[in-house]
């Protein structure tokens, strides 16, 4: 567990803080976040644990926000990780935002596989080939920011059964 999960360094330059450095063509950003980015994931999950301990939410919401946070802060990139929170998004997010995330993710995956394959229809999408890393990073940036916005919206959303100030004044 320590070596494989917490010791996972991640690979790829197309996602998150690493991807924003890659898309801006900085040299120090990607290498720094690949080296130390895993600690940001651990810190985010600890902060979420404290937040949910103080203000419990339904389990589906907590798991969805934890997955979104793990993906958002992750220094590594794997398109398969991006779909993990999809089944839980309707429990944690407003319906329109959940649909927007699903649509943005679908478009991103289609574009990424097309870039990796070098053509459409795909015959073989090779993520390790000499494809255009910068183009994938540029396409990932809006999706990554949308994941971050989803985390904020889910944390600010009122849990079921909790009254807001306007309801208490009535």
N, C-alpha and C. Protein backbone atom coordinates (compact mmCIF):
# COMPACT_ATOMS: atom_id res chain seq x y z
N UNK A 1 0.83 -1.19 0.00
CA UNK A 1 0.00 0.00 0.00
C UNK A 1 0.88 1.26 0.00
N UNK A 2 1.85 1.32 0.89
CA UNK A 2 2.71 2.50 0.98
C UNK A 2 3.47 2.71 -0.33
N UNK A 3 4.05 1.66 -0.87
CA UNK A 3 4.86 1.79 -2.08
C UNK A 3 4.01 2.00 -3.32
N UNK A 4 2.96 1.21 -3.48
CA UNK A 4 2.17 1.25 -4.71
C UNK A 4 1.16 2.39 -4.78
N UNK A 5 0.64 2.81 -3.64
CA UNK A 5 -0.37 3.88 -3.66
C UNK A 5 0.27 5.23 -3.33
N UNK A 6 0.84 5.34 -2.12
CA UNK A 6 1.41 6.62 -1.71
C UNK A 6 2.75 6.89 -2.37
N UNK A 7 3.42 5.85 -2.83
CA UNK A 7 4.69 6.02 -3.51
C UNK A 7 4.57 6.17 -5.02
N UNK A 8 3.35 6.14 -5.52
CA UNK A 8 3.12 6.25 -6.96
C UNK A 8 3.50 7.65 -7.43
N UNK A 9 4.44 7.73 -8.35
CA UNK A 9 4.91 9.03 -8.83
C UNK A 9 4.10 9.55 -10.00
N UNK A 10 3.45 8.71 -10.71
CA UNK A 10 2.68 9.15 -11.86
C UNK A 10 3.55 9.36 -13.08
N UNK A 11 2.93 9.32 -14.21
CA UNK A 11 3.63 9.55 -15.47
C UNK A 11 2.76 10.42 -16.35
N UNK A 12 3.33 10.93 -17.35
CA UNK A 12 2.58 11.73 -18.30
C UNK A 12 2.67 13.21 -18.01
N UNK A 13 2.52 13.99 -19.05
CA UNK A 13 2.63 15.43 -18.91
C UNK A 13 1.35 16.14 -19.33
N UNK A 14 0.26 15.43 -19.47
CA UNK A 14 -0.91 16.04 -20.07
C UNK A 14 -1.99 16.48 -19.09
N UNK A 15 -1.88 16.21 -17.81
CA UNK A 15 -2.99 16.44 -16.91
C UNK A 15 -2.59 17.32 -15.73
N UNK A 16 -3.52 18.11 -15.25
CA UNK A 16 -3.38 18.83 -14.00
C UNK A 16 -2.33 19.92 -14.01
N UNK A 17 -1.69 20.07 -12.86
CA UNK A 17 -0.64 21.08 -12.73
C UNK A 17 0.50 20.77 -13.69
N UNK A 18 0.79 19.50 -13.87
CA UNK A 18 1.84 19.08 -14.80
C UNK A 18 1.45 19.46 -16.22
N UNK A 19 0.21 19.22 -16.59
CA UNK A 19 -0.26 19.55 -17.93
C UNK A 19 -0.29 21.04 -18.20
N UNK A 20 -0.64 21.84 -17.17
CA UNK A 20 -0.62 23.28 -17.38
C UNK A 20 0.81 23.76 -17.62
N UNK A 21 1.79 23.15 -16.96
CA UNK A 21 3.19 23.48 -17.22
C UNK A 21 3.62 23.03 -18.60
N UNK A 22 3.13 21.87 -19.02
CA UNK A 22 3.46 21.36 -20.36
C UNK A 22 2.84 22.22 -21.45
N UNK A 23 1.59 22.63 -21.25
CA UNK A 23 0.93 23.44 -22.26
C UNK A 23 1.53 24.84 -22.35
N UNK A 24 2.12 25.31 -21.25
CA UNK A 24 2.77 26.63 -21.26
C UNK A 24 4.24 26.52 -21.62
N UNK A 25 4.72 25.31 -21.82
CA UNK A 25 6.10 25.03 -22.22
C UNK A 25 7.13 25.45 -21.18
N UNK A 26 6.76 25.35 -19.88
CA UNK A 26 7.76 25.59 -18.84
C UNK A 26 8.49 24.29 -18.57
N UNK A 27 9.73 24.39 -18.18
CA UNK A 27 10.53 23.19 -17.96
C UNK A 27 10.45 22.73 -16.52
N UNK A 28 10.45 23.64 -15.56
CA UNK A 28 10.49 23.25 -14.16
C UNK A 28 9.15 22.79 -13.64
N UNK A 29 8.03 23.31 -14.16
CA UNK A 29 6.71 22.96 -13.66
C UNK A 29 6.41 21.47 -13.71
N UNK A 30 6.49 20.82 -14.88
CA UNK A 30 6.16 19.41 -14.95
C UNK A 30 7.06 18.53 -14.10
N UNK A 31 8.34 18.76 -14.11
CA UNK A 31 9.23 17.90 -13.34
C UNK A 31 9.01 18.07 -11.84
N UNK A 32 8.73 19.29 -11.39
CA UNK A 32 8.48 19.53 -9.97
C UNK A 32 7.20 18.85 -9.53
N UNK A 33 6.12 19.00 -10.31
CA UNK A 33 4.86 18.40 -9.90
C UNK A 33 4.86 16.89 -10.03
N UNK A 34 5.58 16.35 -11.01
CA UNK A 34 5.68 14.89 -11.09
C UNK A 34 6.43 14.34 -9.89
N UNK A 35 7.41 15.08 -9.39
CA UNK A 35 8.20 14.61 -8.26
C UNK A 35 7.45 14.73 -6.94
N UNK A 36 6.79 15.87 -6.72
CA UNK A 36 6.18 16.14 -5.41
C UNK A 36 4.66 16.23 -5.43
N UNK A 37 4.05 16.05 -6.59
CA UNK A 37 2.60 16.20 -6.70
C UNK A 37 1.80 15.19 -5.90
N UNK A 38 2.35 14.03 -5.67
CA UNK A 38 1.60 13.02 -4.91
C UNK A 38 1.29 13.48 -3.49
N UNK A 39 2.14 14.38 -2.96
CA UNK A 39 1.90 14.90 -1.61
C UNK A 39 0.70 15.84 -1.61
N UNK A 40 0.43 16.49 -2.73
CA UNK A 40 -0.76 17.33 -2.84
C UNK A 40 -2.01 16.47 -2.79
N UNK A 41 -1.97 15.29 -3.39
CA UNK A 41 -3.12 14.38 -3.36
C UNK A 41 -3.37 13.94 -1.92
N UNK A 42 -2.33 13.57 -1.21
CA UNK A 42 -2.48 13.13 0.18
C UNK A 42 -3.02 14.26 1.04
N UNK A 43 -2.49 15.47 0.86
CA UNK A 43 -2.96 16.63 1.64
C UNK A 43 -4.43 16.92 1.34
N UNK A 44 -4.83 16.83 0.07
CA UNK A 44 -6.22 17.09 -0.30
C UNK A 44 -7.15 16.06 0.33
N UNK A 45 -6.75 14.80 0.32
CA UNK A 45 -7.60 13.76 0.90
C UNK A 45 -7.70 13.89 2.41
N UNK A 46 -6.63 14.31 3.06
CA UNK A 46 -6.68 14.55 4.52
C UNK A 46 -7.62 15.72 4.81
N UNK A 47 -7.52 16.79 4.01
CA UNK A 47 -8.41 17.94 4.19
C UNK A 47 -9.86 17.54 3.98
N UNK A 48 -10.12 16.69 2.99
CA UNK A 48 -11.49 16.21 2.77
C UNK A 48 -11.98 15.37 3.95
N UNK A 49 -11.12 14.54 4.50
CA UNK A 49 -11.50 13.72 5.65
C UNK A 49 -11.93 14.62 6.81
N UNK A 50 -11.15 15.66 7.06
CA UNK A 50 -11.49 16.59 8.15
C UNK A 50 -12.79 17.31 7.84
N UNK A 51 -12.96 17.75 6.61
CA UNK A 51 -14.19 18.45 6.21
C UNK A 51 -15.39 17.55 6.38
N UNK A 52 -15.30 16.31 5.92
CA UNK A 52 -16.44 15.40 6.02
C UNK A 52 -16.65 14.88 7.43
N UNK A 53 -15.64 14.90 8.25
CA UNK A 53 -15.80 14.53 9.65
C UNK A 53 -16.62 15.60 10.38
N UNK A 54 -16.35 16.86 10.04
CA UNK A 54 -17.07 17.97 10.67
C UNK A 54 -18.47 18.14 10.11
N UNK A 55 -18.62 17.97 8.82
CA UNK A 55 -19.92 18.12 8.15
C UNK A 55 -20.17 16.90 7.29
N UNK A 56 -20.67 15.82 7.86
CA UNK A 56 -20.88 14.58 7.10
C UNK A 56 -21.84 14.80 5.93
N UNK A 57 -21.59 14.08 4.87
CA UNK A 57 -22.43 14.08 3.68
C UNK A 57 -22.80 12.65 3.38
N UNK A 58 -23.72 12.43 2.45
CA UNK A 58 -24.01 11.05 2.04
C UNK A 58 -22.74 10.39 1.49
N UNK A 59 -22.65 9.10 1.67
CA UNK A 59 -21.45 8.36 1.26
C UNK A 59 -21.15 8.55 -0.22
N UNK A 60 -22.17 8.54 -1.06
CA UNK A 60 -21.93 8.70 -2.50
C UNK A 60 -21.30 10.06 -2.80
N UNK A 61 -21.71 11.09 -2.11
CA UNK A 61 -21.13 12.42 -2.30
C UNK A 61 -19.68 12.44 -1.84
N UNK A 62 -19.41 11.87 -0.68
CA UNK A 62 -18.05 11.87 -0.15
C UNK A 62 -17.09 11.10 -1.07
N UNK A 63 -17.54 9.96 -1.57
CA UNK A 63 -16.69 9.17 -2.46
C UNK A 63 -16.46 9.92 -3.77
N UNK A 64 -17.50 10.52 -4.32
CA UNK A 64 -17.36 11.27 -5.57
C UNK A 64 -16.39 12.44 -5.41
N UNK A 65 -16.52 13.21 -4.34
CA UNK A 65 -15.63 14.35 -4.12
C UNK A 65 -14.20 13.87 -3.87
N UNK A 66 -14.04 12.75 -3.18
CA UNK A 66 -12.69 12.21 -2.96
C UNK A 66 -12.06 11.79 -4.29
N UNK A 67 -12.83 11.15 -5.16
CA UNK A 67 -12.30 10.75 -6.47
C UNK A 67 -11.98 11.97 -7.33
N UNK A 68 -12.88 12.95 -7.34
CA UNK A 68 -12.63 14.17 -8.10
C UNK A 68 -11.36 14.87 -7.60
N UNK A 69 -11.19 14.92 -6.28
CA UNK A 69 -10.01 15.57 -5.70
C UNK A 69 -8.74 14.80 -6.03
N UNK A 70 -8.81 13.49 -5.92
CA UNK A 70 -7.64 12.67 -6.24
C UNK A 70 -7.22 12.89 -7.69
N UNK A 71 -8.19 12.93 -8.59
CA UNK A 71 -7.89 13.13 -10.00
C UNK A 71 -7.39 14.56 -10.25
N UNK A 72 -8.02 15.54 -9.61
CA UNK A 72 -7.64 16.93 -9.82
C UNK A 72 -6.20 17.20 -9.39
N UNK A 73 -5.82 16.70 -8.23
CA UNK A 73 -4.49 16.98 -7.69
C UNK A 73 -3.42 16.00 -8.16
N UNK A 74 -3.81 14.97 -8.85
CA UNK A 74 -2.87 13.94 -9.27
C UNK A 74 -1.84 14.47 -10.26
N UNK A 75 -0.58 14.11 -10.07
CA UNK A 75 0.45 14.52 -11.03
C UNK A 75 0.50 13.61 -12.25
N UNK A 76 -0.09 12.44 -12.14
CA UNK A 76 -0.05 11.48 -13.23
C UNK A 76 -1.27 11.61 -14.13
N UNK A 77 -1.21 10.93 -15.24
CA UNK A 77 -2.29 11.01 -16.21
C UNK A 77 -2.64 9.61 -16.68
N UNK A 78 -3.86 9.28 -16.58
CA UNK A 78 -4.38 8.04 -17.14
C UNK A 78 -5.83 8.29 -17.46
N UNK A 79 -6.20 8.17 -18.72
CA UNK A 79 -7.58 8.50 -19.10
C UNK A 79 -8.58 7.62 -18.37
N UNK A 80 -8.17 6.42 -17.99
CA UNK A 80 -9.09 5.54 -17.29
C UNK A 80 -9.47 6.09 -15.91
N UNK A 81 -8.59 6.87 -15.29
CA UNK A 81 -8.89 7.44 -13.98
C UNK A 81 -9.98 8.51 -14.07
N UNK A 82 -10.06 9.18 -15.19
CA UNK A 82 -10.99 10.30 -15.32
C UNK A 82 -12.45 9.88 -15.24
N UNK A 83 -12.75 8.64 -15.55
CA UNK A 83 -14.15 8.19 -15.55
C UNK A 83 -14.59 7.61 -14.21
N UNK A 84 -13.70 7.42 -13.28
CA UNK A 84 -14.07 6.80 -12.00
C UNK A 84 -15.21 7.51 -11.27
N UNK A 85 -15.22 8.84 -11.19
CA UNK A 85 -16.32 9.47 -10.43
C UNK A 85 -17.63 9.62 -11.22
N UNK A 86 -17.66 9.27 -12.50
CA UNK A 86 -18.85 9.50 -13.32
C UNK A 86 -20.14 8.91 -12.75
N UNK A 87 -20.17 7.67 -12.27
CA UNK A 87 -21.44 7.12 -11.79
C UNK A 87 -21.98 7.83 -10.54
N UNK A 88 -21.11 8.52 -9.81
CA UNK A 88 -21.52 9.15 -8.56
C UNK A 88 -21.81 10.64 -8.71
N UNK A 89 -21.52 11.21 -9.86
CA UNK A 89 -21.65 12.66 -10.02
C UNK A 89 -23.07 13.17 -9.83
N UNK A 90 -24.06 12.39 -10.24
CA UNK A 90 -25.45 12.84 -10.08
C UNK A 90 -25.86 12.90 -8.61
N UNK A 91 -25.15 12.22 -7.74
CA UNK A 91 -25.44 12.28 -6.31
C UNK A 91 -24.75 13.47 -5.64
N UNK A 92 -23.63 13.93 -6.21
CA UNK A 92 -22.82 14.96 -5.57
C UNK A 92 -22.96 16.34 -6.20
N UNK A 93 -23.40 16.39 -7.44
CA UNK A 93 -23.39 17.65 -8.18
C UNK A 93 -24.78 17.97 -8.73
N UNK A 94 -25.01 19.25 -9.02
CA UNK A 94 -26.25 19.58 -9.74
C UNK A 94 -26.26 18.86 -11.09
N UNK A 95 -27.41 18.51 -11.55
CA UNK A 95 -27.57 17.70 -12.76
C UNK A 95 -26.87 18.31 -13.98
N UNK A 96 -27.00 19.60 -14.18
CA UNK A 96 -26.38 20.23 -15.35
C UNK A 96 -24.86 20.14 -15.31
N UNK A 97 -24.27 20.35 -14.15
CA UNK A 97 -22.82 20.25 -14.03
C UNK A 97 -22.35 18.81 -14.25
N UNK A 98 -23.10 17.85 -13.72
CA UNK A 98 -22.75 16.45 -13.94
C UNK A 98 -22.81 16.09 -15.42
N UNK A 99 -23.84 16.56 -16.11
CA UNK A 99 -23.93 16.31 -17.55
C UNK A 99 -22.83 17.03 -18.32
N UNK A 100 -22.51 18.25 -17.90
CA UNK A 100 -21.43 19.00 -18.57
C UNK A 100 -20.09 18.29 -18.40
N UNK A 101 -19.83 17.78 -17.21
CA UNK A 101 -18.59 17.02 -16.98
C UNK A 101 -18.55 15.77 -17.84
N UNK A 102 -19.67 15.07 -17.92
CA UNK A 102 -19.73 13.86 -18.73
C UNK A 102 -19.48 14.18 -20.20
N UNK A 103 -20.11 15.24 -20.71
CA UNK A 103 -19.93 15.63 -22.11
C UNK A 103 -18.49 16.09 -22.38
N UNK A 104 -17.94 16.91 -21.48
CA UNK A 104 -16.56 17.39 -21.66
C UNK A 104 -15.57 16.24 -21.62
N UNK A 105 -15.79 15.31 -20.72
CA UNK A 105 -14.91 14.15 -20.63
C UNK A 105 -15.01 13.29 -21.88
N UNK A 106 -16.22 13.10 -22.39
CA UNK A 106 -16.40 12.31 -23.61
C UNK A 106 -15.69 12.94 -24.79
N UNK A 107 -15.83 14.25 -24.95
CA UNK A 107 -15.14 14.95 -26.05
C UNK A 107 -13.63 14.87 -25.89
N UNK A 108 -13.15 15.03 -24.64
CA UNK A 108 -11.71 14.96 -24.39
C UNK A 108 -11.17 13.57 -24.73
N UNK A 109 -11.87 12.53 -24.31
CA UNK A 109 -11.41 11.17 -24.60
C UNK A 109 -11.39 10.90 -26.09
N UNK A 110 -12.42 11.34 -26.79
CA UNK A 110 -12.47 11.16 -28.24
C UNK A 110 -11.27 11.86 -28.90
N UNK A 111 -11.03 13.10 -28.53
CA UNK A 111 -9.91 13.85 -29.11
C UNK A 111 -8.57 13.23 -28.74
N UNK A 112 -8.41 12.81 -27.49
CA UNK A 112 -7.14 12.23 -27.05
C UNK A 112 -6.83 10.94 -27.80
N UNK A 113 -7.82 10.06 -27.92
CA UNK A 113 -7.58 8.81 -28.65
C UNK A 113 -7.31 9.06 -30.13
N UNK A 114 -7.95 10.08 -30.69
CA UNK A 114 -7.68 10.42 -32.08
C UNK A 114 -6.25 10.93 -32.25
N UNK A 115 -5.78 11.74 -31.30
CA UNK A 115 -4.40 12.22 -31.34
C UNK A 115 -3.43 11.07 -31.16
N UNK A 116 -3.70 10.20 -30.20
CA UNK A 116 -2.80 9.07 -29.94
C UNK A 116 -2.75 8.11 -31.12
N UNK A 117 -3.87 7.92 -31.79
CA UNK A 117 -3.91 7.01 -32.93
C UNK A 117 -3.37 7.67 -34.19
N UNK A 118 -3.42 9.00 -34.23
CA UNK A 118 -2.96 9.70 -35.41
C UNK A 118 -3.98 9.74 -36.52
N UNK A 119 -5.16 9.19 -36.28
CA UNK A 119 -6.21 9.16 -37.30
C UNK A 119 -7.52 8.71 -36.67
N UNK A 120 -8.57 8.89 -37.45
CA UNK A 120 -9.86 8.34 -37.07
C UNK A 120 -10.43 7.66 -38.30
N UNK A 121 -10.99 6.50 -38.23
CA UNK A 121 -11.21 5.69 -37.04
C UNK A 121 -9.90 5.13 -36.49
N UNK A 122 -9.94 4.85 -35.19
CA UNK A 122 -8.74 4.40 -34.50
C UNK A 122 -8.43 2.96 -34.88
N UNK A 123 -7.20 2.71 -35.15
CA UNK A 123 -6.74 1.34 -35.33
C UNK A 123 -5.96 0.93 -34.09
N UNK A 124 -5.05 1.81 -33.67
CA UNK A 124 -4.25 1.55 -32.49
C UNK A 124 -3.90 2.89 -31.86
N UNK A 125 -4.44 3.17 -30.68
CA UNK A 125 -4.15 4.43 -29.98
C UNK A 125 -3.01 4.18 -29.01
N UNK A 126 -1.82 4.57 -29.39
CA UNK A 126 -0.62 4.33 -28.60
C UNK A 126 -0.27 5.57 -27.79
N UNK A 127 -0.58 5.55 -26.48
CA UNK A 127 -0.32 6.69 -25.61
C UNK A 127 1.16 6.94 -25.43
N UNK A 128 2.00 5.94 -25.64
CA UNK A 128 3.45 6.08 -25.45
C UNK A 128 4.16 6.54 -26.72
N UNK A 129 3.43 6.71 -27.81
CA UNK A 129 4.07 7.10 -29.06
C UNK A 129 4.49 8.57 -29.01
N UNK A 130 5.09 9.01 -30.05
CA UNK A 130 5.53 10.40 -30.12
C UNK A 130 4.39 11.30 -30.61
N UNK A 131 3.25 11.19 -29.97
CA UNK A 131 2.12 12.03 -30.33
C UNK A 131 2.34 13.44 -29.77
N UNK A 132 1.42 14.30 -30.05
CA UNK A 132 1.53 15.69 -29.64
C UNK A 132 1.10 15.85 -28.18
N UNK A 133 2.04 15.76 -27.24
CA UNK A 133 1.74 15.90 -25.81
C UNK A 133 1.14 17.27 -25.51
N UNK A 134 1.66 18.27 -26.17
CA UNK A 134 1.20 19.63 -25.89
C UNK A 134 -0.26 19.82 -26.28
N UNK A 135 -0.68 19.24 -27.39
CA UNK A 135 -2.08 19.35 -27.83
C UNK A 135 -3.02 18.66 -26.83
N UNK A 136 -2.64 17.48 -26.35
CA UNK A 136 -3.46 16.78 -25.36
C UNK A 136 -3.52 17.60 -24.07
N UNK A 137 -2.39 18.20 -23.67
CA UNK A 137 -2.37 19.02 -22.46
C UNK A 137 -3.28 20.24 -22.61
N UNK A 138 -3.28 20.85 -23.76
CA UNK A 138 -4.16 22.01 -24.00
C UNK A 138 -5.63 21.60 -23.96
N UNK A 139 -5.94 20.44 -24.52
CA UNK A 139 -7.32 19.96 -24.50
C UNK A 139 -7.75 19.54 -23.09
N UNK A 140 -6.81 19.08 -22.28
CA UNK A 140 -7.12 18.62 -20.92
C UNK A 140 -7.32 19.77 -19.95
N UNK A 141 -6.74 20.91 -20.23
CA UNK A 141 -6.80 22.03 -19.29
C UNK A 141 -8.22 22.47 -18.94
N UNK A 142 -9.13 22.68 -19.90
CA UNK A 142 -10.49 23.05 -19.52
C UNK A 142 -11.21 21.95 -18.72
N UNK A 143 -10.97 20.70 -19.07
CA UNK A 143 -11.58 19.60 -18.33
C UNK A 143 -11.06 19.55 -16.90
N UNK A 144 -9.76 19.75 -16.74
CA UNK A 144 -9.15 19.76 -15.40
C UNK A 144 -9.75 20.88 -14.55
N UNK A 145 -9.91 22.06 -15.14
CA UNK A 145 -10.51 23.18 -14.41
C UNK A 145 -11.97 22.90 -14.07
N UNK A 146 -12.67 22.19 -14.94
CA UNK A 146 -14.06 21.81 -14.67
C UNK A 146 -14.12 20.81 -13.51
N UNK A 147 -13.15 19.90 -13.42
CA UNK A 147 -13.08 19.00 -12.27
C UNK A 147 -12.89 19.81 -10.98
N UNK A 148 -12.01 20.81 -11.03
CA UNK A 148 -11.80 21.66 -9.85
C UNK A 148 -13.05 22.41 -9.46
N UNK A 149 -13.78 22.95 -10.44
CA UNK A 149 -15.04 23.65 -10.15
C UNK A 149 -16.06 22.69 -9.55
N UNK A 150 -16.09 21.46 -10.04
CA UNK A 150 -17.03 20.46 -9.51
C UNK A 150 -16.74 20.16 -8.04
N UNK A 151 -15.47 20.13 -7.67
CA UNK A 151 -15.12 19.90 -6.27
C UNK A 151 -15.67 21.03 -5.40
N UNK A 152 -15.46 22.27 -5.83
CA UNK A 152 -15.93 23.43 -5.07
C UNK A 152 -17.46 23.41 -4.97
N UNK A 153 -18.15 23.15 -6.07
CA UNK A 153 -19.61 23.11 -6.06
C UNK A 153 -20.11 22.01 -5.13
N UNK A 154 -19.50 20.84 -5.20
CA UNK A 154 -19.95 19.72 -4.35
C UNK A 154 -19.73 20.01 -2.88
N UNK A 155 -18.63 20.68 -2.54
CA UNK A 155 -18.36 21.00 -1.14
C UNK A 155 -19.27 22.11 -0.61
N UNK A 156 -19.69 23.01 -1.48
CA UNK A 156 -20.55 24.12 -1.06
C UNK A 156 -22.03 23.74 -1.07
N UNK A 157 -22.36 22.67 -1.73
CA UNK A 157 -23.75 22.24 -1.87
C UNK A 157 -24.29 21.79 -0.52
N UNK A 158 -25.53 22.16 -0.24
CA UNK A 158 -26.17 21.79 1.02
C UNK A 158 -26.47 20.30 1.04
N UNK A 159 -26.07 19.61 2.08
CA UNK A 159 -26.43 18.19 2.19
C UNK A 159 -27.94 18.03 2.36
N UNK A 160 -28.49 16.92 1.92
CA UNK A 160 -29.93 16.70 2.11
C UNK A 160 -30.30 16.72 3.58
N UNK A 161 -31.41 17.37 3.89
CA UNK A 161 -31.86 17.42 5.27
C UNK A 161 -31.29 18.59 6.06
N UNK A 162 -30.36 19.34 5.49
CA UNK A 162 -29.78 20.48 6.20
C UNK A 162 -30.48 21.74 5.70
N UNK A 163 -31.03 22.51 6.62
CA UNK A 163 -31.77 23.69 6.24
C UNK A 163 -30.82 24.86 6.00
N UNK A 164 -31.13 25.66 5.01
CA UNK A 164 -30.36 26.87 4.75
C UNK A 164 -30.95 28.01 5.57
N UNK A 165 -30.21 29.12 5.68
CA UNK A 165 -30.63 30.24 6.53
C UNK A 165 -32.00 30.77 6.17
N UNK A 166 -32.33 30.84 4.87
CA UNK A 166 -33.64 31.35 4.47
C UNK A 166 -34.77 30.45 4.96
N UNK A 167 -34.54 29.14 4.98
CA UNK A 167 -35.56 28.23 5.46
C UNK A 167 -35.73 28.33 6.96
N UNK A 168 -34.66 28.60 7.69
CA UNK A 168 -34.75 28.71 9.13
C UNK A 168 -35.49 29.98 9.56
N UNK A 169 -35.43 31.03 8.77
CA UNK A 169 -36.09 32.29 9.13
C UNK A 169 -37.60 32.25 8.91
N UNK A 170 -38.07 31.28 8.17
CA UNK A 170 -39.51 31.19 7.90
C UNK A 170 -40.29 30.61 9.04
